Amino acid sequence: MLRKIIVFFTVIIGYLLQCTLFQRISLGGIVPNILVIITSSFGFMRGKKEGLLIGFFAGFIIDVFYGDILGFYALIYMIIGYLNGFFRQLFYPEDIKLPLILISGSELLYCFSAYVFLFLLRSKFNFSFYFVHVILPEIVYTVLVTLVFYKIILWINEKLEIREKRSASKFV
């Protein structure tokens, strides 16, 4: 139960940071996607199911406050969390390469999905412009922010796992 509460507040704080602080320090209108970092991180740290649930919650928050179609971002974030869950067996806390690669891929999937469903279907075909001016800068900015936020998320996850193991050993 404590894990659910802490993850809930982690997603809320990530959303608030993304919408307030990082809007102020945007680079050319590009903001890092903190919720992709959180969803991806918990996906490959905890598995497919938890990645899916955290992705749904993160996407649902965006849908409620910003989305035109309820469930669009929830679906994208659910897919991101679920796909990252496949890499749980490859996850090692001391290795930063895998999280950077997975978060970069998740951000690319997010941006590409947003382009296809929000722009391409509205007959806006200039993908090269969108890729160079939006997708690449957002991936780079998100990866740079990941270097800080990932360590915080990893620390939270480790503390929760220690607490869960301690409480589980009391009942054995």
N, C-alpha and C. Protein backbone atom coordinates (compact mmCIF):
# COMPACT_ATOMS: atom_id res chain seq x y z
N MET A 1 0.82 -1.20 0.00
CA MET A 1 0.00 0.00 0.00
C MET A 1 0.86 1.26 0.00
N LEU A 2 1.95 1.21 0.78
CA LEU A 2 2.86 2.36 0.82
C LEU A 2 3.46 2.62 -0.55
N ARG A 3 3.79 1.54 -1.29
CA ARG A 3 4.34 1.69 -2.63
C ARG A 3 3.37 2.43 -3.54
N LYS A 4 2.09 2.08 -3.47
CA LYS A 4 1.10 2.72 -4.32
C LYS A 4 0.99 4.21 -4.01
N ILE A 5 1.02 4.55 -2.74
CA ILE A 5 0.92 5.95 -2.34
C ILE A 5 2.15 6.73 -2.81
N ILE A 6 3.32 6.16 -2.62
CA ILE A 6 4.54 6.87 -3.01
C ILE A 6 4.63 6.99 -4.53
N VAL A 7 4.27 5.95 -5.26
CA VAL A 7 4.28 6.04 -6.73
C VAL A 7 3.24 7.06 -7.21
N PHE A 8 2.09 7.09 -6.57
CA PHE A 8 1.06 8.07 -6.90
C PHE A 8 1.63 9.49 -6.77
N PHE A 9 2.26 9.77 -5.64
CA PHE A 9 2.81 11.10 -5.43
C PHE A 9 4.02 11.37 -6.34
N THR A 10 4.77 10.34 -6.69
CA THR A 10 5.88 10.51 -7.63
C THR A 10 5.35 10.96 -8.99
N VAL A 11 4.29 10.33 -9.46
CA VAL A 11 3.70 10.70 -10.74
C VAL A 11 3.12 12.11 -10.66
N ILE A 12 2.43 12.44 -9.58
CA ILE A 12 1.85 13.78 -9.43
C ILE A 12 2.96 14.84 -9.41
N ILE A 13 4.02 14.59 -8.64
CA ILE A 13 5.13 15.54 -8.58
C ILE A 13 5.81 15.66 -9.95
N GLY A 14 5.98 14.54 -10.64
CA GLY A 14 6.55 14.57 -11.99
C GLY A 14 5.70 15.39 -12.94
N TYR A 15 4.39 15.21 -12.86
CA TYR A 15 3.48 15.98 -13.71
C TYR A 15 3.57 17.47 -13.39
N LEU A 16 3.58 17.80 -12.10
CA LEU A 16 3.66 19.21 -11.72
C LEU A 16 4.98 19.84 -12.15
N LEU A 17 6.06 19.11 -12.01
CA LEU A 17 7.36 19.62 -12.47
C LEU A 17 7.36 19.83 -13.99
N GLN A 18 6.79 18.89 -14.70
CA GLN A 18 6.75 18.99 -16.16
C GLN A 18 5.92 20.18 -16.61
N CYS A 19 4.86 20.47 -15.89
CA CYS A 19 3.94 21.54 -16.30
C CYS A 19 4.28 22.91 -15.74
N THR A 20 5.14 22.97 -14.73
CA THR A 20 5.45 24.26 -14.12
C THR A 20 6.92 24.62 -14.30
N LEU A 21 7.79 23.98 -13.56
CA LEU A 21 9.21 24.32 -13.57
C LEU A 21 9.83 24.16 -14.94
N PHE A 22 9.61 23.03 -15.58
CA PHE A 22 10.25 22.78 -16.87
C PHE A 22 9.61 23.58 -18.00
N GLN A 23 8.40 24.08 -17.81
CA GLN A 23 7.82 25.00 -18.79
C GLN A 23 8.58 26.33 -18.76
N ARG A 24 9.03 26.70 -17.58
CA ARG A 24 9.79 27.95 -17.40
C ARG A 24 11.19 27.85 -17.99
N ILE A 25 11.79 26.65 -17.93
CA ILE A 25 13.15 26.50 -18.43
C ILE A 25 13.17 25.68 -19.73
N SER A 26 12.13 25.84 -20.52
CA SER A 26 12.08 25.14 -21.80
C SER A 26 13.14 25.71 -22.75
N LEU A 27 13.65 24.86 -23.59
CA LEU A 27 14.64 25.27 -24.57
C LEU A 27 13.99 25.30 -25.94
N GLY A 28 13.71 26.47 -26.43
CA GLY A 28 13.07 26.60 -27.73
C GLY A 28 11.67 26.00 -27.76
N GLY A 29 10.98 26.06 -26.64
CA GLY A 29 9.64 25.49 -26.56
C GLY A 29 9.63 23.99 -26.30
N ILE A 30 10.80 23.39 -26.12
CA ILE A 30 10.90 21.96 -25.89
C ILE A 30 11.04 21.71 -24.39
N VAL A 31 10.21 20.81 -23.86
CA VAL A 31 10.19 20.47 -22.44
C VAL A 31 10.49 18.98 -22.30
N PRO A 32 11.32 18.60 -21.33
CA PRO A 32 11.56 17.16 -21.13
C PRO A 32 10.30 16.47 -20.62
N ASN A 33 10.15 15.23 -21.00
CA ASN A 33 8.95 14.48 -20.64
C ASN A 33 9.24 13.66 -19.37
N ILE A 34 8.95 14.25 -18.24
CA ILE A 34 9.22 13.63 -16.94
C ILE A 34 8.36 12.38 -16.76
N LEU A 35 7.14 12.41 -17.25
CA LEU A 35 6.25 11.26 -17.07
C LEU A 35 6.72 10.05 -17.88
N VAL A 36 7.37 10.27 -19.01
CA VAL A 36 7.96 9.15 -19.75
C VAL A 36 9.11 8.56 -18.94
N ILE A 37 9.90 9.41 -18.29
CA ILE A 37 11.00 8.94 -17.46
C ILE A 37 10.46 8.08 -16.32
N ILE A 38 9.42 8.55 -15.65
CA ILE A 38 8.85 7.82 -14.52
C ILE A 38 8.22 6.50 -14.98
N THR A 39 7.43 6.55 -16.04
CA THR A 39 6.77 5.35 -16.55
C THR A 39 7.78 4.31 -17.01
N SER A 40 8.75 4.74 -17.79
CA SER A 40 9.77 3.81 -18.28
C SER A 40 10.58 3.22 -17.14
N SER A 41 10.99 4.07 -16.21
CA SER A 41 11.82 3.61 -15.10
C SER A 41 11.11 2.56 -14.26
N PHE A 42 9.89 2.84 -13.86
CA PHE A 42 9.16 1.86 -13.07
C PHE A 42 8.80 0.63 -13.90
N GLY A 43 8.65 0.80 -15.21
CA GLY A 43 8.38 -0.35 -16.07
C GLY A 43 9.51 -1.35 -16.05
N PHE A 44 10.74 -0.88 -16.30
CA PHE A 44 11.83 -1.86 -16.33
C PHE A 44 12.37 -2.20 -14.95
N MET A 45 12.03 -1.42 -13.92
CA MET A 45 12.43 -1.80 -12.57
C MET A 45 11.47 -2.81 -11.94
N ARG A 46 10.18 -2.67 -12.24
CA ARG A 46 9.16 -3.45 -11.55
C ARG A 46 8.42 -4.45 -12.44
N GLY A 47 8.48 -4.29 -13.76
CA GLY A 47 7.83 -5.25 -14.64
C GLY A 47 6.69 -4.67 -15.45
N LYS A 48 6.12 -5.54 -16.27
CA LYS A 48 5.10 -5.12 -17.23
C LYS A 48 3.83 -4.58 -16.57
N LYS A 49 3.36 -5.29 -15.56
CA LYS A 49 2.08 -4.92 -14.93
C LYS A 49 2.18 -3.54 -14.27
N GLU A 50 3.22 -3.33 -13.49
CA GLU A 50 3.36 -2.04 -12.82
C GLU A 50 3.64 -0.93 -13.82
N GLY A 51 4.43 -1.21 -14.86
CA GLY A 51 4.67 -0.22 -15.91
C GLY A 51 3.38 0.17 -16.60
N LEU A 52 2.53 -0.82 -16.86
CA LEU A 52 1.25 -0.57 -17.50
C LEU A 52 0.36 0.31 -16.63
N LEU A 53 0.28 -0.01 -15.34
CA LEU A 53 -0.59 0.75 -14.44
C LEU A 53 -0.09 2.18 -14.23
N ILE A 54 1.21 2.33 -14.03
CA ILE A 54 1.77 3.68 -13.86
C ILE A 54 1.62 4.47 -15.15
N GLY A 55 1.81 3.80 -16.29
CA GLY A 55 1.61 4.46 -17.57
C GLY A 55 0.18 4.94 -17.77
N PHE A 56 -0.77 4.10 -17.37
CA PHE A 56 -2.17 4.51 -17.47
C PHE A 56 -2.44 5.75 -16.63
N PHE A 57 -1.97 5.72 -15.40
CA PHE A 57 -2.21 6.85 -14.49
C PHE A 57 -1.54 8.13 -15.00
N ALA A 58 -0.29 8.02 -15.45
CA ALA A 58 0.43 9.20 -15.96
C ALA A 58 -0.27 9.75 -17.21
N GLY A 59 -0.64 8.86 -18.12
CA GLY A 59 -1.32 9.31 -19.33
C GLY A 59 -2.70 9.87 -19.05
N PHE A 60 -3.40 9.28 -18.08
CA PHE A 60 -4.74 9.77 -17.74
C PHE A 60 -4.69 11.19 -17.18
N ILE A 61 -3.67 11.48 -16.40
CA ILE A 61 -3.52 12.84 -15.88
C ILE A 61 -3.35 13.83 -17.03
N ILE A 62 -2.53 13.49 -18.00
CA ILE A 62 -2.35 14.38 -19.15
C ILE A 62 -3.64 14.49 -19.94
N ASP A 63 -4.35 13.37 -20.12
CA ASP A 63 -5.63 13.41 -20.84
C ASP A 63 -6.63 14.34 -20.17
N VAL A 64 -6.70 14.26 -18.86
CA VAL A 64 -7.69 15.07 -18.13
C VAL A 64 -7.38 16.56 -18.25
N PHE A 65 -6.11 16.93 -18.12
CA PHE A 65 -5.77 18.34 -18.07
C PHE A 65 -5.41 18.94 -19.42
N TYR A 66 -4.92 18.14 -20.37
CA TYR A 66 -4.48 18.70 -21.64
C TYR A 66 -5.08 18.05 -22.88
N GLY A 67 -5.48 16.82 -22.77
CA GLY A 67 -5.87 16.06 -23.95
C GLY A 67 -7.20 16.47 -24.54
N ASP A 68 -7.28 16.31 -25.86
CA ASP A 68 -8.55 16.54 -26.55
C ASP A 68 -9.39 15.27 -26.55
N ILE A 69 -8.72 14.13 -26.57
CA ILE A 69 -9.39 12.84 -26.61
C ILE A 69 -9.04 12.10 -25.33
N LEU A 70 -10.03 11.77 -24.54
CA LEU A 70 -9.78 11.08 -23.28
C LEU A 70 -9.30 9.66 -23.55
N GLY A 71 -8.13 9.33 -23.06
CA GLY A 71 -7.57 8.00 -23.20
C GLY A 71 -6.44 7.89 -24.20
N PHE A 72 -6.21 8.92 -25.00
CA PHE A 72 -5.15 8.87 -26.01
C PHE A 72 -3.77 8.76 -25.35
N TYR A 73 -3.46 9.68 -24.48
CA TYR A 73 -2.16 9.65 -23.82
C TYR A 73 -2.07 8.48 -22.84
N ALA A 74 -3.17 8.12 -22.22
CA ALA A 74 -3.18 6.97 -21.32
C ALA A 74 -2.77 5.71 -22.08
N LEU A 75 -3.26 5.55 -23.28
CA LEU A 75 -2.91 4.39 -24.10
C LEU A 75 -1.43 4.40 -24.47
N ILE A 76 -0.92 5.55 -24.88
CA ILE A 76 0.50 5.65 -25.27
C ILE A 76 1.40 5.34 -24.08
N TYR A 77 1.10 5.93 -22.93
CA TYR A 77 1.92 5.69 -21.74
C TYR A 77 1.80 4.25 -21.25
N MET A 78 0.62 3.65 -21.39
CA MET A 78 0.46 2.25 -21.01
C MET A 78 1.34 1.36 -21.87
N ILE A 79 1.37 1.64 -23.15
CA ILE A 79 2.21 0.86 -24.06
C ILE A 79 3.68 1.02 -23.70
N ILE A 80 4.08 2.26 -23.40
CA ILE A 80 5.47 2.53 -23.03
C ILE A 80 5.83 1.76 -21.75
N GLY A 81 4.99 1.84 -20.74
CA GLY A 81 5.27 1.14 -19.48
C GLY A 81 5.31 -0.37 -19.67
N TYR A 82 4.39 -0.89 -20.46
CA TYR A 82 4.33 -2.33 -20.69
C TYR A 82 5.56 -2.82 -21.45
N LEU A 83 5.94 -2.11 -22.51
CA LEU A 83 7.10 -2.51 -23.31
C LEU A 83 8.39 -2.45 -22.49
N ASN A 84 8.51 -1.46 -21.62
CA ASN A 84 9.70 -1.38 -20.77
C ASN A 84 9.74 -2.51 -19.75
N GLY A 85 8.58 -3.03 -19.39
CA GLY A 85 8.51 -4.14 -18.45
C GLY A 85 9.17 -5.41 -18.96
N PHE A 86 9.29 -5.54 -20.28
CA PHE A 86 9.96 -6.71 -20.86
C PHE A 86 11.46 -6.75 -20.51
N PHE A 87 12.02 -5.61 -20.15
CA PHE A 87 13.45 -5.53 -19.88
C PHE A 87 13.80 -5.67 -18.40
N ARG A 88 12.84 -6.14 -17.61
CA ARG A 88 13.08 -6.26 -16.17
C ARG A 88 14.22 -7.23 -15.86
N GLN A 89 14.34 -8.31 -16.62
CA GLN A 89 15.41 -9.28 -16.36
C GLN A 89 16.78 -8.71 -16.69
N LEU A 90 16.85 -7.71 -17.55
CA LEU A 90 18.13 -7.10 -17.93
C LEU A 90 18.51 -5.93 -17.03
N PHE A 91 17.63 -5.56 -16.11
CA PHE A 91 17.84 -4.39 -15.29
C PHE A 91 18.82 -4.66 -14.15
N TYR A 92 19.83 -3.81 -14.06
CA TYR A 92 20.77 -3.81 -12.93
C TYR A 92 20.84 -2.38 -12.42
N PRO A 93 20.64 -2.17 -11.13
CA PRO A 93 20.59 -0.81 -10.58
C PRO A 93 21.84 0.03 -10.85
N GLU A 94 23.01 -0.60 -10.91
CA GLU A 94 24.23 0.18 -11.08
C GLU A 94 24.51 0.55 -12.54
N ASP A 95 23.77 -0.02 -13.48
CA ASP A 95 23.99 0.24 -14.91
C ASP A 95 23.07 1.37 -15.37
N ILE A 96 23.65 2.42 -15.94
CA ILE A 96 22.85 3.56 -16.40
C ILE A 96 22.58 3.49 -17.91
N LYS A 97 23.32 2.63 -18.63
CA LYS A 97 23.19 2.58 -20.09
C LYS A 97 21.81 2.08 -20.52
N LEU A 98 21.35 0.99 -19.92
CA LEU A 98 20.04 0.43 -20.30
C LEU A 98 18.91 1.42 -20.04
N PRO A 99 18.85 2.07 -18.86
CA PRO A 99 17.79 3.06 -18.67
C PRO A 99 17.83 4.21 -19.67
N LEU A 100 19.03 4.69 -20.01
CA LEU A 100 19.12 5.78 -20.98
C LEU A 100 18.63 5.33 -22.35
N ILE A 101 18.98 4.13 -22.76
CA ILE A 101 18.54 3.62 -24.05
C ILE A 101 17.03 3.42 -24.06
N LEU A 102 16.49 2.81 -22.99
CA LEU A 102 15.05 2.54 -22.94
C LEU A 102 14.24 3.83 -22.85
N ILE A 103 14.72 4.79 -22.09
CA ILE A 103 13.98 6.05 -21.97
C ILE A 103 14.06 6.82 -23.29
N SER A 104 15.19 6.77 -23.98
CA SER A 104 15.30 7.40 -25.31
C SER A 104 14.33 6.74 -26.29
N GLY A 105 14.29 5.41 -26.27
CA GLY A 105 13.36 4.70 -27.15
C GLY A 105 11.91 4.98 -26.80
N SER A 106 11.63 5.09 -25.51
CA SER A 106 10.26 5.41 -25.08
C SER A 106 9.85 6.81 -25.52
N GLU A 107 10.77 7.74 -25.41
CA GLU A 107 10.50 9.12 -25.84
C GLU A 107 10.30 9.17 -27.36
N LEU A 108 11.10 8.40 -28.09
CA LEU A 108 10.93 8.34 -29.55
C LEU A 108 9.56 7.75 -29.90
N LEU A 109 9.17 6.69 -29.20
CA LEU A 109 7.85 6.09 -29.43
C LEU A 109 6.73 7.08 -29.11
N TYR A 110 6.88 7.80 -28.01
CA TYR A 110 5.88 8.81 -27.62
C TYR A 110 5.76 9.89 -28.68
N CYS A 111 6.90 10.46 -29.08
CA CYS A 111 6.88 11.55 -30.06
C CYS A 111 6.36 11.08 -31.42
N PHE A 112 6.79 9.88 -31.85
CA PHE A 112 6.33 9.36 -33.12
C PHE A 112 4.83 9.08 -33.10
N SER A 113 4.34 8.53 -32.00
CA SER A 113 2.89 8.29 -31.88
C SER A 113 2.12 9.60 -31.90
N ALA A 114 2.63 10.58 -31.19
CA ALA A 114 1.97 11.89 -31.19
C ALA A 114 1.95 12.49 -32.59
N TYR A 115 3.04 12.34 -33.33
CA TYR A 115 3.08 12.87 -34.69
C TYR A 115 2.06 12.16 -35.57
N VAL A 116 2.07 10.84 -35.52
CA VAL A 116 1.18 10.07 -36.40
C VAL A 116 -0.28 10.38 -36.11
N PHE A 117 -0.67 10.35 -34.83
CA PHE A 117 -2.08 10.48 -34.51
C PHE A 117 -2.57 11.91 -34.37
N LEU A 118 -1.68 12.84 -34.12
CA LEU A 118 -2.11 14.23 -33.94
C LEU A 118 -1.81 15.12 -35.14
N PHE A 119 -0.82 14.74 -35.96
CA PHE A 119 -0.45 15.59 -37.09
C PHE A 119 -0.64 14.90 -38.44
N LEU A 120 -0.11 13.71 -38.57
CA LEU A 120 -0.16 13.02 -39.86
C LEU A 120 -1.59 12.76 -40.30
N LEU A 121 -2.45 12.37 -39.39
CA LEU A 121 -3.84 12.11 -39.75
C LEU A 121 -4.62 13.38 -40.06
N ARG A 122 -4.02 14.52 -39.78
CA ARG A 122 -4.62 15.81 -40.14
C ARG A 122 -3.93 16.41 -41.37
N SER A 123 -3.28 15.54 -42.16
CA SER A 123 -2.62 15.90 -43.42
C SER A 123 -1.47 16.87 -43.24
N LYS A 124 -0.73 16.74 -42.17
CA LYS A 124 0.49 17.54 -41.98
C LYS A 124 1.65 16.58 -42.17
N PHE A 125 2.23 16.60 -43.37
CA PHE A 125 3.17 15.58 -43.80
C PHE A 125 4.64 15.94 -43.64
N ASN A 126 4.97 17.04 -43.02
CA ASN A 126 6.36 17.47 -42.94
C ASN A 126 7.07 16.79 -41.76
N PHE A 127 7.32 15.49 -41.90
CA PHE A 127 7.92 14.71 -40.82
C PHE A 127 9.36 15.12 -40.55
N SER A 128 10.11 15.44 -41.59
CA SER A 128 11.52 15.80 -41.39
C SER A 128 11.65 17.06 -40.53
N PHE A 129 10.79 18.03 -40.76
CA PHE A 129 10.80 19.24 -39.94
C PHE A 129 10.45 18.91 -38.49
N TYR A 130 9.41 18.12 -38.29
CA TYR A 130 8.98 17.73 -36.95
C TYR A 130 10.05 16.91 -36.24
N PHE A 131 10.71 16.02 -36.99
CA PHE A 131 11.75 15.18 -36.39
C PHE A 131 12.94 16.02 -35.93
N VAL A 132 13.39 16.94 -36.78
CA VAL A 132 14.58 17.74 -36.46
C VAL A 132 14.29 18.80 -35.40
N HIS A 133 13.12 19.42 -35.46
CA HIS A 133 12.84 20.55 -34.57
C HIS A 133 12.07 20.19 -33.30
N VAL A 134 11.48 19.01 -33.24
CA VAL A 134 10.71 18.64 -32.04
C VAL A 134 11.22 17.32 -31.44
N ILE A 135 11.23 16.27 -32.23
CA ILE A 135 11.54 14.95 -31.67
C ILE A 135 12.98 14.87 -31.15
N LEU A 136 13.96 15.19 -31.97
CA LEU A 136 15.36 15.09 -31.54
C LEU A 136 15.69 15.98 -30.34
N PRO A 137 15.29 17.27 -30.35
CA PRO A 137 15.58 18.08 -29.17
C PRO A 137 14.88 17.57 -27.91
N GLU A 138 13.66 17.07 -28.05
CA GLU A 138 12.96 16.56 -26.88
C GLU A 138 13.62 15.29 -26.34
N ILE A 139 14.10 14.44 -27.22
CA ILE A 139 14.81 13.24 -26.77
C ILE A 139 16.09 13.62 -26.04
N VAL A 140 16.85 14.55 -26.60
CA VAL A 140 18.11 14.97 -25.97
C VAL A 140 17.85 15.61 -24.61
N TYR A 141 16.87 16.49 -24.54
CA TYR A 141 16.55 17.17 -23.28
C TYR A 141 16.04 16.17 -22.24
N THR A 142 15.22 15.22 -22.67
CA THR A 142 14.71 14.21 -21.75
C THR A 142 15.84 13.32 -21.23
N VAL A 143 16.77 12.95 -22.09
CA VAL A 143 17.89 12.11 -21.67
C VAL A 143 18.78 12.87 -20.67
N LEU A 144 19.00 14.15 -20.91
CA LEU A 144 19.81 14.94 -19.96
C LEU A 144 19.13 15.03 -18.59
N VAL A 145 17.83 15.22 -18.58
CA VAL A 145 17.09 15.29 -17.32
C VAL A 145 17.02 13.91 -16.67
N THR A 146 17.03 12.86 -17.49
CA THR A 146 17.01 11.49 -16.97
C THR A 146 18.21 11.21 -16.07
N LEU A 147 19.35 11.78 -16.40
CA LEU A 147 20.55 11.55 -15.60
C LEU A 147 20.35 11.94 -14.14
N VAL A 148 19.49 12.93 -13.88
CA VAL A 148 19.20 13.35 -12.50
C VAL A 148 17.99 12.59 -11.95
N PHE A 149 16.90 12.58 -12.69
CA PHE A 149 15.65 12.01 -12.19
C PHE A 149 15.72 10.49 -12.02
N TYR A 150 16.48 9.83 -12.87
CA TYR A 150 16.57 8.38 -12.76
C TYR A 150 17.18 7.97 -11.43
N LYS A 151 18.17 8.69 -10.96
CA LYS A 151 18.80 8.36 -9.68
C LYS A 151 17.80 8.53 -8.53
N ILE A 152 16.95 9.52 -8.62
CA ILE A 152 15.93 9.73 -7.60
C ILE A 152 14.91 8.59 -7.62
N ILE A 153 14.46 8.22 -8.81
CA ILE A 153 13.48 7.14 -8.95
C ILE A 153 14.09 5.81 -8.49
N LEU A 154 15.35 5.58 -8.85
CA LEU A 154 16.04 4.37 -8.41
C LEU A 154 16.15 4.33 -6.89
N TRP A 155 16.47 5.44 -6.28
CA TRP A 155 16.57 5.51 -4.82
C TRP A 155 15.22 5.21 -4.17
N ILE A 156 14.15 5.80 -4.70
CA ILE A 156 12.80 5.54 -4.17
C ILE A 156 12.47 4.06 -4.29
N ASN A 157 12.73 3.47 -5.45
CA ASN A 157 12.43 2.05 -5.66
C ASN A 157 13.23 1.17 -4.72
N GLU A 158 14.51 1.47 -4.53
CA GLU A 158 15.34 0.65 -3.64
C GLU A 158 14.84 0.73 -2.20
N LYS A 159 14.48 1.93 -1.74
CA LYS A 159 13.97 2.08 -0.37
C LYS A 159 12.67 1.31 -0.19
N LEU A 160 11.80 1.36 -1.18
CA LEU A 160 10.53 0.63 -1.10
C LEU A 160 10.76 -0.88 -1.10
N GLU A 161 11.70 -1.36 -1.92
CA GLU A 161 11.98 -2.79 -1.95
C GLU A 161 12.59 -3.27 -0.63
N ILE A 162 13.47 -2.48 -0.03
CA ILE A 162 14.03 -2.84 1.27
C ILE A 162 12.93 -2.94 2.31
N ARG A 163 12.02 -1.97 2.30
CA ARG A 163 10.91 -1.98 3.26
C ARG A 163 9.99 -3.17 3.03
N GLU A 164 9.71 -3.49 1.75
CA GLU A 164 8.85 -4.63 1.44
C GLU A 164 9.49 -5.94 1.86
N LYS A 165 10.80 -6.09 1.66
CA LYS A 165 11.50 -7.31 2.07
C LYS A 165 11.52 -7.45 3.58
N ARG A 166 11.71 -6.33 4.27
CA ARG A 166 11.72 -6.36 5.73
C ARG A 166 10.36 -6.75 6.27
N SER A 167 9.30 -6.19 5.72
CA SER A 167 7.96 -6.53 6.20
C SER A 167 7.56 -7.94 5.81
N ALA A 168 8.04 -8.43 4.66
CA ALA A 168 7.73 -9.80 4.25
C ALA A 168 8.44 -10.81 5.12
N SER A 169 9.66 -10.48 5.59
CA SER A 169 10.40 -11.41 6.43
C SER A 169 9.78 -11.55 7.83
N LYS A 170 8.98 -10.57 8.24
CA LYS A 170 8.31 -10.66 9.54
C LYS A 170 7.23 -11.73 9.54
N PHE A 171 6.67 -12.01 8.36
CA PHE A 171 5.57 -12.97 8.28
C PHE A 171 6.02 -14.37 7.93
N VAL A 172 7.30 -14.56 7.68
CA VAL A 172 7.80 -15.89 7.28
C VAL A 172 8.19 -16.69 8.48
